[in-house]
Amino acid sequence: MNKKQLEIIREVHNFVKQESVGFAEDDIFTNHILNVKNCAQKLAKFYRANEFVVVLAAYLHDIYYLQTRNHEIHEIKGAEFSVEYLKKFPLSREEITAVGLCIINHRGSKKAKRNSIEEQIIACADAIDHIRRWLSMFYRLSKERSYEEAAEWMSKKLDRGYAKISLPYAKNMIKDKYLAAKLSLSAR
């Protein structure tokens, strides 16, 4: 990436970090956003995708959720917000559109068609992070629900996440952790 792109990424990084302050008991910026960004960047390099678009989309993929706590439509509203937000930077229309498409198509619970490698990367990176952090999600959920309900919900989330990982290299990165999580949840 060039100097201009790195400056834009630094500003977006700082903006998303500020938007996530106080979101939850754990630091969602460090424990999710940066994990997705790092994984997506690794996948972008492996698949020779547009790393700049991927990094911006990784930072912004949950922005509406961070701002409103509304998870139901966060991919739609987040894409809309991000497209408008990114217009303040010297980006091409194609780059802004690509970031918006990555955001709108990142959810596993939605049967979105991911046409570009960048869209697939963001969906994969998001799912990989959810699988890696399954135990902390399960712990928080088990405070609100019975063990059986929490285990069933978590098992379905793991399955959705694993199913949305469409890239072979990405699937290989997380396969063992996915299988271990599924085994752990069924071991009662």
N, C-alpha and C. Protein backbone atom coordinates (compact mmCIF):
# COMPACT_ATOMS: atom_id res chain seq x y z
N MET A 1 0.84 -1.18 0.00
CA MET A 1 0.00 0.00 0.00
C MET A 1 0.88 1.24 0.00
N ASN A 2 0.38 2.28 -0.61
CA ASN A 2 1.16 3.51 -0.68
C ASN A 2 0.93 4.40 0.55
N LYS A 3 1.67 5.47 0.64
CA LYS A 3 1.62 6.37 1.80
C LYS A 3 0.22 6.96 2.00
N LYS A 4 -0.41 7.37 0.92
CA LYS A 4 -1.76 7.95 1.00
C LYS A 4 -2.75 6.93 1.57
N GLN A 5 -2.67 5.70 1.09
CA GLN A 5 -3.56 4.65 1.58
C GLN A 5 -3.31 4.35 3.06
N LEU A 6 -2.06 4.32 3.46
CA LEU A 6 -1.73 4.07 4.86
C LEU A 6 -2.24 5.19 5.77
N GLU A 7 -2.21 6.42 5.29
CA GLU A 7 -2.76 7.54 6.06
C GLU A 7 -4.27 7.40 6.22
N ILE A 8 -4.94 7.01 5.16
CA ILE A 8 -6.40 6.81 5.22
C ILE A 8 -6.71 5.68 6.20
N ILE A 9 -5.98 4.60 6.11
CA ILE A 9 -6.20 3.47 7.02
C ILE A 9 -5.97 3.90 8.46
N ARG A 10 -4.96 4.68 8.72
CA ARG A 10 -4.70 5.16 10.08
C ARG A 10 -5.87 5.99 10.60
N GLU A 11 -6.43 6.84 9.76
CA GLU A 11 -7.56 7.66 10.18
C GLU A 11 -8.81 6.80 10.42
N VAL A 12 -9.06 5.84 9.55
CA VAL A 12 -10.20 4.93 9.73
C VAL A 12 -10.00 4.09 10.99
N HIS A 13 -8.80 3.60 11.20
CA HIS A 13 -8.46 2.85 12.42
C HIS A 13 -8.85 3.65 13.66
N ASN A 14 -8.39 4.90 13.72
CA ASN A 14 -8.66 5.76 14.88
C ASN A 14 -10.15 6.04 15.05
N PHE A 15 -10.84 6.25 13.94
CA PHE A 15 -12.28 6.51 13.99
C PHE A 15 -13.04 5.30 14.55
N VAL A 16 -12.75 4.11 14.03
CA VAL A 16 -13.47 2.91 14.48
C VAL A 16 -13.11 2.60 15.93
N LYS A 17 -11.87 2.80 16.29
CA LYS A 17 -11.46 2.57 17.68
C LYS A 17 -12.26 3.47 18.62
N GLN A 18 -12.40 4.73 18.26
CA GLN A 18 -13.17 5.68 19.07
C GLN A 18 -14.65 5.28 19.13
N GLU A 19 -15.20 4.84 18.02
CA GLU A 19 -16.61 4.44 17.98
C GLU A 19 -16.89 3.21 18.85
N SER A 20 -15.88 2.41 19.11
CA SER A 20 -16.09 1.17 19.86
C SER A 20 -15.83 1.31 21.36
N VAL A 21 -15.40 2.47 21.80
CA VAL A 21 -15.13 2.68 23.23
C VAL A 21 -16.42 2.47 24.02
N GLY A 22 -16.32 1.63 25.05
CA GLY A 22 -17.46 1.39 25.93
C GLY A 22 -18.54 0.51 25.35
N PHE A 23 -18.27 -0.16 24.24
CA PHE A 23 -19.30 -0.97 23.59
C PHE A 23 -19.73 -2.15 24.45
N ALA A 24 -18.78 -2.85 25.03
CA ALA A 24 -19.10 -4.06 25.78
C ALA A 24 -18.08 -4.24 26.88
N GLU A 25 -18.29 -5.27 27.70
CA GLU A 25 -17.36 -5.52 28.81
C GLU A 25 -15.97 -5.90 28.29
N ASP A 26 -15.90 -6.49 27.11
CA ASP A 26 -14.60 -6.75 26.52
C ASP A 26 -14.36 -5.73 25.41
N ASP A 27 -13.12 -5.52 25.09
CA ASP A 27 -12.74 -4.51 24.10
C ASP A 27 -13.00 -5.06 22.69
N ILE A 28 -14.12 -4.70 22.10
CA ILE A 28 -14.51 -5.23 20.79
C ILE A 28 -13.54 -4.79 19.70
N PHE A 29 -12.92 -3.64 19.87
CA PHE A 29 -11.97 -3.18 18.85
C PHE A 29 -10.77 -4.13 18.80
N THR A 30 -10.18 -4.37 19.96
CA THR A 30 -9.02 -5.26 20.02
C THR A 30 -9.41 -6.71 19.81
N ASN A 31 -10.53 -7.13 20.39
CA ASN A 31 -10.91 -8.54 20.38
C ASN A 31 -11.74 -8.98 19.19
N HIS A 32 -12.15 -8.06 18.34
CA HIS A 32 -12.86 -8.48 17.12
C HIS A 32 -12.38 -7.70 15.90
N ILE A 33 -12.50 -6.41 15.92
CA ILE A 33 -12.19 -5.60 14.73
C ILE A 33 -10.75 -5.83 14.28
N LEU A 34 -9.80 -5.73 15.19
CA LEU A 34 -8.40 -5.93 14.80
C LEU A 34 -8.12 -7.37 14.39
N ASN A 35 -8.79 -8.33 15.03
CA ASN A 35 -8.63 -9.73 14.63
C ASN A 35 -9.11 -9.93 13.19
N VAL A 36 -10.27 -9.36 12.87
CA VAL A 36 -10.80 -9.48 11.51
C VAL A 36 -9.87 -8.78 10.53
N LYS A 37 -9.39 -7.61 10.89
CA LYS A 37 -8.47 -6.87 10.01
C LYS A 37 -7.20 -7.67 9.75
N ASN A 38 -6.60 -8.22 10.79
CA ASN A 38 -5.35 -8.97 10.63
C ASN A 38 -5.55 -10.23 9.79
N CYS A 39 -6.62 -10.95 10.05
CA CYS A 39 -6.92 -12.15 9.28
C CYS A 39 -7.22 -11.79 7.82
N ALA A 40 -8.03 -10.76 7.62
CA ALA A 40 -8.38 -10.34 6.26
C ALA A 40 -7.15 -9.89 5.48
N GLN A 41 -6.26 -9.20 6.15
CA GLN A 41 -5.04 -8.74 5.49
C GLN A 41 -4.17 -9.93 5.08
N LYS A 42 -4.08 -10.92 5.94
CA LYS A 42 -3.33 -12.14 5.61
C LYS A 42 -3.95 -12.84 4.41
N LEU A 43 -5.28 -12.95 4.40
CA LEU A 43 -5.96 -13.60 3.28
C LEU A 43 -5.81 -12.78 1.99
N ALA A 44 -5.85 -11.45 2.11
CA ALA A 44 -5.69 -10.59 0.93
C ALA A 44 -4.33 -10.81 0.29
N LYS A 45 -3.32 -10.94 1.11
CA LYS A 45 -1.97 -11.19 0.58
C LYS A 45 -1.90 -12.56 -0.08
N PHE A 46 -2.46 -13.56 0.57
CA PHE A 46 -2.43 -14.92 0.03
C PHE A 46 -3.15 -14.98 -1.31
N TYR A 47 -4.33 -14.37 -1.39
CA TYR A 47 -5.15 -14.43 -2.61
C TYR A 47 -4.88 -13.28 -3.58
N ARG A 48 -3.91 -12.43 -3.24
CA ARG A 48 -3.55 -11.28 -4.09
C ARG A 48 -4.76 -10.41 -4.41
N ALA A 49 -5.53 -10.16 -3.37
CA ALA A 49 -6.71 -9.31 -3.47
C ALA A 49 -6.31 -7.86 -3.23
N ASN A 50 -7.25 -6.96 -3.35
CA ASN A 50 -6.99 -5.55 -3.09
C ASN A 50 -6.91 -5.35 -1.58
N GLU A 51 -5.69 -5.30 -1.08
CA GLU A 51 -5.46 -5.22 0.36
C GLU A 51 -6.04 -3.94 0.97
N PHE A 52 -5.96 -2.85 0.25
CA PHE A 52 -6.48 -1.57 0.74
C PHE A 52 -7.99 -1.67 0.98
N VAL A 53 -8.73 -2.18 0.02
CA VAL A 53 -10.18 -2.36 0.15
C VAL A 53 -10.49 -3.30 1.30
N VAL A 54 -9.77 -4.39 1.39
CA VAL A 54 -10.00 -5.40 2.43
C VAL A 54 -9.78 -4.81 3.82
N VAL A 55 -8.72 -4.06 4.00
CA VAL A 55 -8.43 -3.49 5.32
C VAL A 55 -9.50 -2.47 5.70
N LEU A 56 -9.89 -1.61 4.78
CA LEU A 56 -10.96 -0.64 5.08
C LEU A 56 -12.26 -1.36 5.45
N ALA A 57 -12.61 -2.37 4.68
CA ALA A 57 -13.85 -3.12 4.95
C ALA A 57 -13.77 -3.85 6.29
N ALA A 58 -12.62 -4.38 6.62
CA ALA A 58 -12.46 -5.08 7.90
C ALA A 58 -12.68 -4.11 9.07
N TYR A 59 -12.11 -2.94 8.97
CA TYR A 59 -12.32 -1.95 10.03
C TYR A 59 -13.79 -1.54 10.14
N LEU A 60 -14.45 -1.39 9.01
CA LEU A 60 -15.81 -0.82 9.00
C LEU A 60 -16.93 -1.85 8.98
N HIS A 61 -16.63 -3.14 8.95
CA HIS A 61 -17.68 -4.14 8.71
C HIS A 61 -18.77 -4.15 9.78
N ASP A 62 -18.47 -3.76 11.01
CA ASP A 62 -19.47 -3.73 12.08
C ASP A 62 -19.75 -2.33 12.60
N ILE A 63 -19.44 -1.31 11.82
CA ILE A 63 -19.53 0.07 12.31
C ILE A 63 -20.93 0.45 12.78
N TYR A 64 -21.95 0.06 12.05
CA TYR A 64 -23.31 0.43 12.46
C TYR A 64 -23.69 -0.26 13.77
N TYR A 65 -23.27 -1.49 13.93
CA TYR A 65 -23.51 -2.22 15.17
C TYR A 65 -22.81 -1.52 16.33
N LEU A 66 -21.59 -1.08 16.13
CA LEU A 66 -20.85 -0.36 17.17
C LEU A 66 -21.56 0.93 17.54
N GLN A 67 -22.12 1.61 16.56
CA GLN A 67 -22.74 2.90 16.79
C GLN A 67 -24.13 2.80 17.41
N THR A 68 -24.86 1.74 17.10
CA THR A 68 -26.27 1.69 17.49
C THR A 68 -26.67 0.48 18.34
N ARG A 69 -25.82 -0.52 18.39
CA ARG A 69 -26.12 -1.80 19.05
C ARG A 69 -27.22 -2.58 18.32
N ASN A 70 -27.57 -2.15 17.11
CA ASN A 70 -28.58 -2.83 16.30
C ASN A 70 -27.87 -3.82 15.38
N HIS A 71 -28.00 -5.09 15.72
CA HIS A 71 -27.33 -6.13 14.95
C HIS A 71 -28.15 -6.59 13.75
N GLU A 72 -29.44 -6.44 13.84
CA GLU A 72 -30.35 -7.01 12.85
C GLU A 72 -30.06 -6.54 11.42
N ILE A 73 -29.81 -5.27 11.24
CA ILE A 73 -29.58 -4.72 9.89
C ILE A 73 -28.22 -4.03 9.79
N HIS A 74 -27.29 -4.43 10.64
CA HIS A 74 -26.03 -3.68 10.72
C HIS A 74 -25.21 -3.75 9.44
N GLU A 75 -25.36 -4.82 8.67
CA GLU A 75 -24.59 -4.91 7.42
C GLU A 75 -25.11 -3.93 6.37
N ILE A 76 -26.42 -3.72 6.34
CA ILE A 76 -27.02 -2.80 5.37
C ILE A 76 -26.72 -1.35 5.74
N LYS A 77 -27.05 -1.01 6.97
CA LYS A 77 -26.82 0.37 7.43
C LYS A 77 -25.33 0.68 7.54
N GLY A 78 -24.54 -0.33 7.89
CA GLY A 78 -23.09 -0.13 7.96
C GLY A 78 -22.48 0.15 6.60
N ALA A 79 -22.97 -0.54 5.59
CA ALA A 79 -22.49 -0.29 4.22
C ALA A 79 -22.88 1.11 3.78
N GLU A 80 -24.12 1.50 4.06
CA GLU A 80 -24.57 2.85 3.69
C GLU A 80 -23.73 3.91 4.38
N PHE A 81 -23.53 3.74 5.68
CA PHE A 81 -22.72 4.70 6.43
C PHE A 81 -21.30 4.76 5.86
N SER A 82 -20.70 3.60 5.63
CA SER A 82 -19.31 3.53 5.19
C SER A 82 -19.11 4.18 3.83
N VAL A 83 -20.04 3.97 2.93
CA VAL A 83 -19.94 4.59 1.61
C VAL A 83 -19.92 6.11 1.75
N GLU A 84 -20.80 6.65 2.59
CA GLU A 84 -20.82 8.10 2.80
C GLU A 84 -19.56 8.58 3.53
N TYR A 85 -19.18 7.86 4.55
CA TYR A 85 -17.99 8.22 5.33
C TYR A 85 -16.74 8.24 4.46
N LEU A 86 -16.57 7.25 3.62
CA LEU A 86 -15.35 7.15 2.80
C LEU A 86 -15.27 8.20 1.70
N LYS A 87 -16.37 8.88 1.41
CA LYS A 87 -16.35 9.93 0.38
C LYS A 87 -15.48 11.11 0.79
N LYS A 88 -15.18 11.23 2.06
CA LYS A 88 -14.33 12.35 2.50
C LYS A 88 -12.86 12.12 2.19
N PHE A 89 -12.52 10.90 1.79
CA PHE A 89 -11.14 10.56 1.45
C PHE A 89 -10.96 10.53 -0.07
N PRO A 90 -9.73 10.67 -0.55
CA PRO A 90 -9.48 10.60 -1.99
C PRO A 90 -9.46 9.15 -2.50
N LEU A 91 -10.62 8.52 -2.47
CA LEU A 91 -10.78 7.15 -2.96
C LEU A 91 -11.57 7.19 -4.26
N SER A 92 -11.35 6.20 -5.08
CA SER A 92 -12.14 6.10 -6.31
C SER A 92 -13.54 5.58 -5.97
N ARG A 93 -14.47 5.81 -6.85
CA ARG A 93 -15.82 5.30 -6.68
C ARG A 93 -15.80 3.77 -6.60
N GLU A 94 -14.93 3.15 -7.37
CA GLU A 94 -14.82 1.69 -7.38
C GLU A 94 -14.35 1.16 -6.03
N GLU A 95 -13.38 1.85 -5.42
CA GLU A 95 -12.89 1.42 -4.11
C GLU A 95 -13.99 1.54 -3.05
N ILE A 96 -14.70 2.65 -3.06
CA ILE A 96 -15.78 2.86 -2.09
C ILE A 96 -16.87 1.83 -2.28
N THR A 97 -17.25 1.57 -3.52
CA THR A 97 -18.27 0.57 -3.81
C THR A 97 -17.82 -0.81 -3.35
N ALA A 98 -16.57 -1.15 -3.59
CA ALA A 98 -16.04 -2.46 -3.19
C ALA A 98 -16.09 -2.62 -1.67
N VAL A 99 -15.73 -1.58 -0.93
CA VAL A 99 -15.80 -1.64 0.53
C VAL A 99 -17.25 -1.85 0.97
N GLY A 100 -18.16 -1.10 0.39
CA GLY A 100 -19.58 -1.24 0.73
C GLY A 100 -20.10 -2.64 0.47
N LEU A 101 -19.70 -3.23 -0.65
CA LEU A 101 -20.14 -4.60 -0.97
C LEU A 101 -19.56 -5.62 0.02
N CYS A 102 -18.32 -5.41 0.43
CA CYS A 102 -17.73 -6.30 1.44
C CYS A 102 -18.54 -6.26 2.73
N ILE A 103 -18.93 -5.07 3.14
CA ILE A 103 -19.67 -4.91 4.39
C ILE A 103 -21.07 -5.50 4.28
N ILE A 104 -21.76 -5.20 3.21
CA ILE A 104 -23.14 -5.68 3.08
C ILE A 104 -23.22 -7.19 2.95
N ASN A 105 -22.14 -7.82 2.50
CA ASN A 105 -22.17 -9.27 2.26
C ASN A 105 -21.35 -10.09 3.27
N HIS A 106 -21.05 -9.53 4.43
CA HIS A 106 -20.16 -10.25 5.36
C HIS A 106 -20.87 -11.19 6.31
N ARG A 107 -22.16 -11.11 6.46
CA ARG A 107 -22.85 -11.90 7.49
C ARG A 107 -23.08 -13.35 7.07
N GLY A 108 -22.93 -14.24 8.05
CA GLY A 108 -23.16 -15.66 7.81
C GLY A 108 -24.61 -16.04 7.89
N SER A 109 -25.41 -15.27 8.64
CA SER A 109 -26.82 -15.60 8.79
C SER A 109 -27.64 -15.12 7.59
N LYS A 110 -27.02 -14.37 6.72
CA LYS A 110 -27.67 -13.90 5.49
C LYS A 110 -27.07 -14.68 4.32
N LYS A 111 -27.88 -15.11 3.43
CA LYS A 111 -27.40 -15.89 2.28
C LYS A 111 -26.96 -14.94 1.15
N ALA A 112 -25.96 -14.16 1.44
CA ALA A 112 -25.48 -13.17 0.47
C ALA A 112 -24.59 -13.83 -0.56
N LYS A 113 -24.68 -13.32 -1.77
CA LYS A 113 -23.78 -13.77 -2.83
C LYS A 113 -22.56 -12.87 -2.80
N ARG A 114 -21.41 -13.48 -2.64
CA ARG A 114 -20.15 -12.74 -2.57
C ARG A 114 -19.43 -12.90 -3.90
N ASN A 115 -19.47 -11.85 -4.72
CA ASN A 115 -18.94 -11.94 -6.08
C ASN A 115 -17.44 -11.71 -6.18
N SER A 116 -16.89 -10.90 -5.32
CA SER A 116 -15.46 -10.59 -5.45
C SER A 116 -14.65 -11.34 -4.39
N ILE A 117 -13.38 -11.47 -4.64
CA ILE A 117 -12.49 -12.11 -3.67
C ILE A 117 -12.46 -11.28 -2.39
N GLU A 118 -12.54 -9.98 -2.50
CA GLU A 118 -12.53 -9.12 -1.32
C GLU A 118 -13.77 -9.37 -0.44
N GLU A 119 -14.94 -9.53 -1.06
CA GLU A 119 -16.15 -9.83 -0.30
C GLU A 119 -16.01 -11.17 0.41
N GLN A 120 -15.47 -12.15 -0.28
CA GLN A 120 -15.27 -13.47 0.33
C GLN A 120 -14.28 -13.39 1.49
N ILE A 121 -13.24 -12.61 1.34
CA ILE A 121 -12.23 -12.47 2.39
C ILE A 121 -12.82 -11.88 3.66
N ILE A 122 -13.61 -10.83 3.54
CA ILE A 122 -14.20 -10.21 4.74
C ILE A 122 -15.16 -11.18 5.42
N ALA A 123 -15.97 -11.87 4.67
CA ALA A 123 -16.88 -12.87 5.25
C ALA A 123 -16.08 -13.97 5.96
N CYS A 124 -15.02 -14.44 5.32
CA CYS A 124 -14.19 -15.49 5.92
C CYS A 124 -13.50 -15.00 7.20
N ALA A 125 -12.92 -13.82 7.15
CA ALA A 125 -12.19 -13.29 8.31
C ALA A 125 -13.13 -13.08 9.50
N ASP A 126 -14.33 -12.60 9.24
CA ASP A 126 -15.32 -12.41 10.30
C ASP A 126 -15.69 -13.76 10.92
N ALA A 127 -15.93 -14.74 10.09
CA ALA A 127 -16.29 -16.08 10.59
C ALA A 127 -15.13 -16.72 11.35
N ILE A 128 -13.93 -16.57 10.83
CA ILE A 128 -12.76 -17.13 11.50
C ILE A 128 -12.62 -16.54 12.90
N ASP A 129 -12.82 -15.24 13.01
CA ASP A 129 -12.71 -14.63 14.34
C ASP A 129 -13.80 -15.14 15.28
N HIS A 130 -15.01 -15.29 14.79
CA HIS A 130 -16.08 -15.82 15.65
C HIS A 130 -15.75 -17.23 16.12
N ILE A 131 -15.20 -18.04 15.26
CA ILE A 131 -14.83 -19.40 15.65
C ILE A 131 -13.68 -19.38 16.66
N ARG A 132 -12.71 -18.53 16.43
CA ARG A 132 -11.59 -18.43 17.37
C ARG A 132 -12.04 -17.97 18.75
N ARG A 133 -13.03 -17.11 18.81
CA ARG A 133 -13.49 -16.54 20.08
C ARG A 133 -14.77 -17.19 20.60
N TRP A 134 -15.06 -18.39 20.16
CA TRP A 134 -16.34 -19.02 20.51
C TRP A 134 -16.52 -19.17 22.02
N LEU A 135 -15.47 -19.46 22.73
CA LEU A 135 -15.60 -19.72 24.16
C LEU A 135 -16.03 -18.46 24.93
N SER A 136 -15.47 -17.32 24.58
CA SER A 136 -15.88 -16.09 25.27
C SER A 136 -17.32 -15.73 24.91
N MET A 137 -17.73 -15.96 23.67
CA MET A 137 -19.13 -15.73 23.29
C MET A 137 -20.05 -16.67 24.05
N PHE A 138 -19.66 -17.92 24.13
CA PHE A 138 -20.46 -18.91 24.84
C PHE A 138 -20.58 -18.55 26.32
N TYR A 139 -19.51 -18.11 26.91
CA TYR A 139 -19.51 -17.73 28.32
C TYR A 139 -20.52 -16.60 28.57
N ARG A 140 -20.45 -15.54 27.75
CA ARG A 140 -21.39 -14.43 27.92
C ARG A 140 -22.83 -14.89 27.73
N LEU A 141 -23.07 -15.72 26.74
CA LEU A 141 -24.40 -16.22 26.45
C LEU A 141 -24.93 -17.11 27.58
N SER A 142 -24.05 -17.90 28.17
CA SER A 142 -24.49 -18.83 29.22
C SER A 142 -24.89 -18.11 30.50
N LYS A 143 -24.55 -16.84 30.63
CA LYS A 143 -25.01 -16.04 31.77
C LYS A 143 -26.49 -15.68 31.63
N GLU A 144 -26.97 -15.66 30.39
CA GLU A 144 -28.34 -15.25 30.10
C GLU A 144 -29.29 -16.41 29.82
N ARG A 145 -28.74 -17.55 29.43
CA ARG A 145 -29.53 -18.71 29.03
C ARG A 145 -29.05 -19.96 29.75
N SER A 146 -29.84 -21.00 29.64
CA SER A 146 -29.41 -22.28 30.20
C SER A 146 -28.22 -22.79 29.39
N TYR A 147 -27.48 -23.71 29.98
CA TYR A 147 -26.33 -24.30 29.29
C TYR A 147 -26.76 -24.89 27.95
N GLU A 148 -27.86 -25.63 27.96
CA GLU A 148 -28.32 -26.31 26.74
C GLU A 148 -28.69 -25.30 25.65
N GLU A 149 -29.40 -24.23 26.04
CA GLU A 149 -29.77 -23.21 25.06
C GLU A 149 -28.53 -22.50 24.51
N ALA A 150 -27.62 -22.16 25.38
CA ALA A 150 -26.38 -21.49 24.95
C ALA A 150 -25.56 -22.40 24.05
N ALA A 151 -25.46 -23.67 24.40
CA ALA A 151 -24.69 -24.62 23.59
C ALA A 151 -25.32 -24.81 22.21
N GLU A 152 -26.65 -24.89 22.18
CA GLU A 152 -27.33 -25.05 20.89
C GLU A 152 -27.13 -23.81 20.01
N TRP A 153 -27.30 -22.63 20.58
CA TRP A 153 -27.12 -21.38 19.82
C TRP A 153 -25.68 -21.28 19.31
N MET A 154 -24.72 -21.56 20.19
CA MET A 154 -23.31 -21.46 19.81
C MET A 154 -22.96 -22.47 18.73
N SER A 155 -23.47 -23.65 18.84
CA SER A 155 -23.21 -24.69 17.84
C SER A 155 -23.72 -24.26 16.47
N LYS A 156 -24.91 -23.67 16.43
CA LYS A 156 -25.47 -23.19 15.16
C LYS A 156 -24.64 -22.03 14.61
N LYS A 157 -24.18 -21.13 15.49
CA LYS A 157 -23.34 -20.01 15.03
C LYS A 157 -22.03 -20.53 14.45
N LEU A 158 -21.43 -21.50 15.10
CA LEU A 158 -20.20 -22.10 14.58
C LEU A 158 -20.44 -22.72 13.20
N ASP A 159 -21.55 -23.42 13.05
CA ASP A 159 -21.87 -24.05 11.76
C ASP A 159 -22.08 -23.00 10.67
N ARG A 160 -22.82 -21.93 11.00
CA ARG A 160 -23.04 -20.86 10.01
C ARG A 160 -21.71 -20.22 9.61
N GLY A 161 -20.89 -19.96 10.62
CA GLY A 161 -19.60 -19.34 10.35
C GLY A 161 -18.72 -20.22 9.48
N TYR A 162 -18.63 -21.48 9.84
CA TYR A 162 -17.79 -22.40 9.07
C TYR A 162 -18.31 -22.55 7.64
N ALA A 163 -19.62 -22.57 7.50
CA ALA A 163 -20.23 -22.70 6.16
C ALA A 163 -19.94 -21.48 5.29
N LYS A 164 -19.82 -20.30 5.89
CA LYS A 164 -19.59 -19.10 5.07
C LYS A 164 -18.13 -18.95 4.66
N ILE A 165 -17.25 -19.78 5.18
CA ILE A 165 -15.84 -19.72 4.80
C ILE A 165 -15.69 -20.44 3.46
N SER A 166 -15.66 -19.67 2.41
CA SER A 166 -15.67 -20.20 1.04
C SER A 166 -14.28 -20.40 0.45
N LEU A 167 -13.29 -19.84 1.08
CA LEU A 167 -11.94 -19.90 0.52
C LEU A 167 -11.16 -21.06 1.17
N PRO A 168 -10.59 -21.95 0.36
CA PRO A 168 -9.91 -23.14 0.90
C PRO A 168 -8.80 -22.83 1.92
N TYR A 169 -7.98 -21.85 1.65
CA TYR A 169 -6.90 -21.50 2.58
C TYR A 169 -7.49 -21.04 3.91
N ALA A 170 -8.54 -20.25 3.85
CA ALA A 170 -9.19 -19.76 5.07
C ALA A 170 -9.83 -20.91 5.84
N LYS A 171 -10.48 -21.82 5.13
CA LYS A 171 -11.12 -22.97 5.78
C LYS A 171 -10.06 -23.81 6.49
N ASN A 172 -8.93 -24.00 5.85
CA ASN A 172 -7.84 -24.77 6.45
C ASN A 172 -7.28 -24.09 7.69
N MET A 173 -7.27 -22.75 7.71
CA MET A 173 -6.75 -22.00 8.85
C MET A 173 -7.53 -22.29 10.13
N ILE A 174 -8.82 -22.58 10.01
CA ILE A 174 -9.68 -22.64 11.19
C ILE A 174 -10.31 -24.01 11.42
N LYS A 175 -10.10 -24.94 10.54
CA LYS A 175 -10.78 -26.24 10.62
C LYS A 175 -10.59 -26.92 11.98
N ASP A 176 -9.36 -27.00 12.48
CA ASP A 176 -9.12 -27.69 13.74
C ASP A 176 -9.83 -27.01 14.91
N LYS A 177 -9.83 -25.68 14.93
CA LYS A 177 -10.51 -24.95 16.01
C LYS A 177 -12.02 -25.15 15.93
N TYR A 178 -12.56 -25.16 14.73
CA TYR A 178 -13.99 -25.40 14.54
C TYR A 178 -14.35 -26.79 15.07
N LEU A 179 -13.60 -27.80 14.67
CA LEU A 179 -13.89 -29.17 15.11
C LEU A 179 -13.75 -29.31 16.63
N ALA A 180 -12.74 -28.67 17.21
CA ALA A 180 -12.56 -28.73 18.67
C ALA A 180 -13.72 -28.05 19.40
N ALA A 181 -14.16 -26.91 18.87
CA ALA A 181 -15.30 -26.20 19.49
C ALA A 181 -16.56 -27.06 19.42
N LYS A 182 -16.82 -27.66 18.28
CA LYS A 182 -18.00 -28.51 18.13
C LYS A 182 -17.92 -29.70 19.09
N LEU A 183 -16.76 -30.29 19.20
CA LEU A 183 -16.58 -31.42 20.13
C LEU A 183 -16.81 -30.97 21.57
N SER A 184 -16.28 -29.83 21.93
CA SER A 184 -16.46 -29.32 23.29
C SER A 184 -17.93 -29.08 23.62
N LEU A 185 -18.67 -28.55 22.67
CA LEU A 185 -20.08 -28.26 22.92
C LEU A 185 -20.94 -29.54 22.98
N SER A 186 -20.46 -30.59 22.39
CA SER A 186 -21.25 -31.84 22.38
C SER A 186 -20.83 -32.77 23.52
N ALA A 187 -19.86 -32.37 24.33
CA ALA A 187 -19.27 -33.27 25.31
C ALA A 187 -19.98 -33.28 26.65
N ARG A 188 -21.23 -32.94 26.69
CA ARG A 188 -21.92 -32.90 27.97
C ARG A 188 -22.74 -34.15 28.17
